[in-house]
Amino acid sequence: MAAENKNNETGKAEAAPAASAKSDKFRGRKKVRKTGSFAVFHIYCTFNNTIITVSDDRGETLAWSTSGACGFRGTKKGTPFAAQVTSSKVAHKAAEMGVKEATVLVSGPGPGRETAIRAVQASGLHVISIKDVTPIPHNGCRPPKARRV
């Protein structure tokens, strides 16, 4: 049998080494993503957190981070300083991938909107355009029926 090795001393069959040896060989490699010089920064600011995602022109995510991932906890996650630190961290990741130009799409009512944009500009990336894509309700949801007292 090809999957078994004979042991000369005892005559018992031993199982061949598991297939994990092959998977161990590839485990340490990190996926290197080739990207162009253009990226889109999606900044989502809420009152409690800031989420920043960088995608290429096809919409595939290159890098992302949140205020919580940068070490801020509780109410500090919603501060403009947390948004600045998060944005600069993601911008440096994108710059390492070769991004030179960026478009910024800002969404949400949070306090870190402007500081996040300024951090992207200060990181050395050329910001082509800044657009607010916050969803605005047109007449909104139907209100609840009136109370009868």
Protein backbone atom coordinates (compact mmCIF):
# COMPACT_ATOMS: atom_id res chain seq x y z
CA MET A 1 0.00 0.00 0.00
CA ALA A 2 1.30 3.42 -0.94
CA ALA A 3 -0.16 5.23 2.08
CA GLU A 4 1.42 2.93 4.65
CA ASN A 5 5.08 2.44 5.60
CA LYS A 6 6.37 -0.91 6.85
CA ASN A 7 8.29 -0.82 10.11
CA ASN A 8 11.17 -3.34 9.86
CA GLU A 9 11.46 -4.00 13.58
CA THR A 10 7.90 -4.96 14.52
CA GLY A 11 6.30 -5.67 11.18
CA LYS A 12 3.38 -3.33 11.97
CA ALA A 13 2.12 -0.86 9.46
CA GLU A 14 2.36 2.85 10.27
CA ALA A 15 0.21 5.54 8.75
CA ALA A 16 1.92 7.98 6.42
CA PRO A 17 2.38 11.56 7.65
CA ALA A 18 -0.78 13.64 7.42
CA ALA A 19 -1.38 16.09 4.60
CA SER A 20 -0.84 18.99 7.01
CA ALA A 21 2.80 19.19 5.95
CA LYS A 22 1.67 20.72 2.67
CA SER A 23 -0.65 23.20 4.34
CA ASP A 24 2.09 24.23 6.80
CA LYS A 25 4.24 25.21 3.85
CA PHE A 26 1.72 27.81 2.67
CA ARG A 27 0.44 28.99 6.05
CA GLY A 28 3.10 31.67 6.61
CA ARG A 29 2.67 33.41 3.29
CA LYS A 30 0.76 36.66 3.20
CA LYS A 31 -1.34 37.49 0.19
CA VAL A 32 0.26 40.40 -1.65
CA ARG A 33 -2.24 42.44 -3.58
CA LYS A 34 -1.15 44.38 -6.63
CA THR A 35 -3.10 47.58 -6.91
CA GLY A 36 -3.10 50.64 -9.07
CA SER A 37 -2.41 54.17 -7.94
CA PHE A 38 -6.10 55.02 -7.39
CA ALA A 39 -8.33 54.11 -4.43
CA VAL A 40 -11.66 55.04 -2.87
CA PHE A 41 -11.85 55.82 0.86
CA HIS A 42 -15.24 54.98 2.36
CA ILE A 43 -15.56 56.81 5.70
CA TYR A 44 -18.57 55.83 7.81
CA CYS A 45 -18.89 58.01 10.91
CA THR A 46 -21.48 57.31 13.56
CA PHE A 47 -21.78 58.87 17.00
CA ASN A 48 -20.21 55.75 18.54
CA ASN A 49 -17.59 54.60 16.03
CA THR A 50 -15.73 55.37 12.80
CA ILE A 51 -15.24 52.71 10.11
CA ILE A 52 -12.88 53.38 7.22
CA THR A 53 -12.52 51.07 4.21
CA VAL A 54 -10.21 51.54 1.24
CA SER A 55 -11.23 49.90 -2.03
CA ASP A 56 -9.72 49.87 -5.49
CA ASP A 57 -11.50 50.99 -8.65
CA ARG A 58 -13.19 47.56 -8.99
CA GLY A 59 -14.62 47.80 -5.46
CA GLU A 60 -12.36 45.18 -3.86
CA THR A 61 -11.27 46.02 -0.32
CA LEU A 62 -7.58 46.85 0.07
CA ALA A 63 -7.47 47.88 3.74
CA TRP A 64 -9.85 48.78 6.54
CA SER A 65 -9.85 49.80 10.17
CA THR A 66 -12.16 51.01 12.91
CA SER A 67 -11.68 53.16 15.98
CA GLY A 68 -12.05 50.07 18.15
CA ALA A 69 -9.32 48.24 16.21
CA CYS A 70 -6.98 51.19 16.86
CA GLY A 71 -7.29 50.74 20.62
CA PHE A 72 -10.08 53.15 21.52
CA ARG A 73 -12.81 51.84 23.79
CA GLY A 74 -16.22 53.06 24.89
CA THR A 75 -17.18 56.65 24.23
CA LYS A 76 -13.64 57.48 23.03
CA LYS A 77 -14.34 55.59 19.79
CA GLY A 78 -16.73 58.31 18.66
CA THR A 79 -14.29 61.21 19.08
CA PRO A 80 -12.69 63.16 16.22
CA PHE A 81 -9.22 62.15 17.46
CA ALA A 82 -10.10 58.46 17.15
CA ALA A 83 -11.31 59.09 13.60
CA GLN A 84 -8.06 60.89 12.78
CA VAL A 85 -5.85 58.07 14.10
CA THR A 86 -7.93 55.44 12.30
CA SER A 87 -7.90 57.34 9.03
CA SER A 88 -4.15 57.93 9.06
CA LYS A 89 -3.52 54.26 9.85
CA VAL A 90 -5.58 53.13 6.85
CA ALA A 91 -4.04 55.78 4.59
CA HIS A 92 -0.53 54.55 5.42
CA LYS A 93 -1.60 50.95 4.66
CA ALA A 94 -2.97 52.09 1.30
CA ALA A 95 0.16 54.11 0.52
CA GLU A 96 2.29 51.03 1.15
CA MET A 97 0.22 49.24 -1.50
CA GLY A 98 1.06 51.93 -4.04
CA VAL A 99 -1.97 54.20 -3.82
CA LYS A 100 -1.22 57.79 -4.83
CA GLU A 101 -4.64 59.28 -5.61
CA ALA A 102 -7.88 58.90 -3.70
CA THR A 103 -11.54 59.76 -3.79
CA VAL A 104 -13.23 60.14 -0.40
CA LEU A 105 -16.86 59.14 0.19
CA VAL A 106 -18.16 60.25 3.60
CA SER A 107 -21.30 58.81 5.17
CA GLY A 108 -22.97 59.28 8.52
CA PRO A 109 -23.53 62.11 11.01
CA GLY A 110 -20.59 61.47 13.34
CA PRO A 111 -18.19 64.03 14.78
CA GLY A 112 -15.07 62.62 13.07
CA ARG A 113 -15.99 63.38 9.48
CA GLU A 114 -13.73 66.36 8.81
CA THR A 115 -10.76 65.12 10.82
CA ALA A 116 -10.82 61.78 8.97
CA ILE A 117 -10.69 63.58 5.63
CA ARG A 118 -7.87 65.83 6.82
CA ALA A 119 -5.89 62.80 7.99
CA VAL A 120 -6.15 61.24 4.51
CA GLN A 121 -4.90 64.47 2.95
CA ALA A 122 -2.08 64.82 5.50
CA SER A 123 -0.84 61.28 4.83
CA GLY A 124 0.53 62.33 1.45
CA LEU A 125 -2.26 61.04 -0.79
CA HIS A 126 -3.66 63.32 -3.47
CA VAL A 127 -7.41 63.64 -2.79
CA ILE A 128 -9.25 64.10 -6.08
CA SER A 129 -12.77 64.56 -4.74
CA ILE A 130 -14.75 64.48 -1.51
CA LYS A 131 -18.38 63.43 -1.68
CA ASP A 132 -21.05 63.13 1.00
CA VAL A 133 -23.10 59.96 0.41
CA THR A 134 -25.13 60.05 3.63
CA PRO A 135 -28.56 58.58 2.90
CA ILE A 136 -31.29 61.19 3.33
CA PRO A 137 -34.92 60.08 3.66
CA HIS A 138 -37.32 61.66 1.20
CA ASN A 139 -40.40 62.04 3.39
CA GLY A 140 -39.18 59.10 5.52
CA CYS A 141 -41.15 56.28 7.08
CA ARG A 142 -44.83 56.43 7.75
CA PRO A 143 -45.42 57.94 11.22
CA PRO A 144 -47.30 55.99 13.88
CA LYS A 145 -51.02 56.58 14.18
CA ALA A 146 -52.11 59.48 16.40
CA ARG A 147 -52.77 58.81 20.09
CA ARG A 148 -56.34 58.98 21.32
CA VAL A 149 -56.49 60.31 24.85
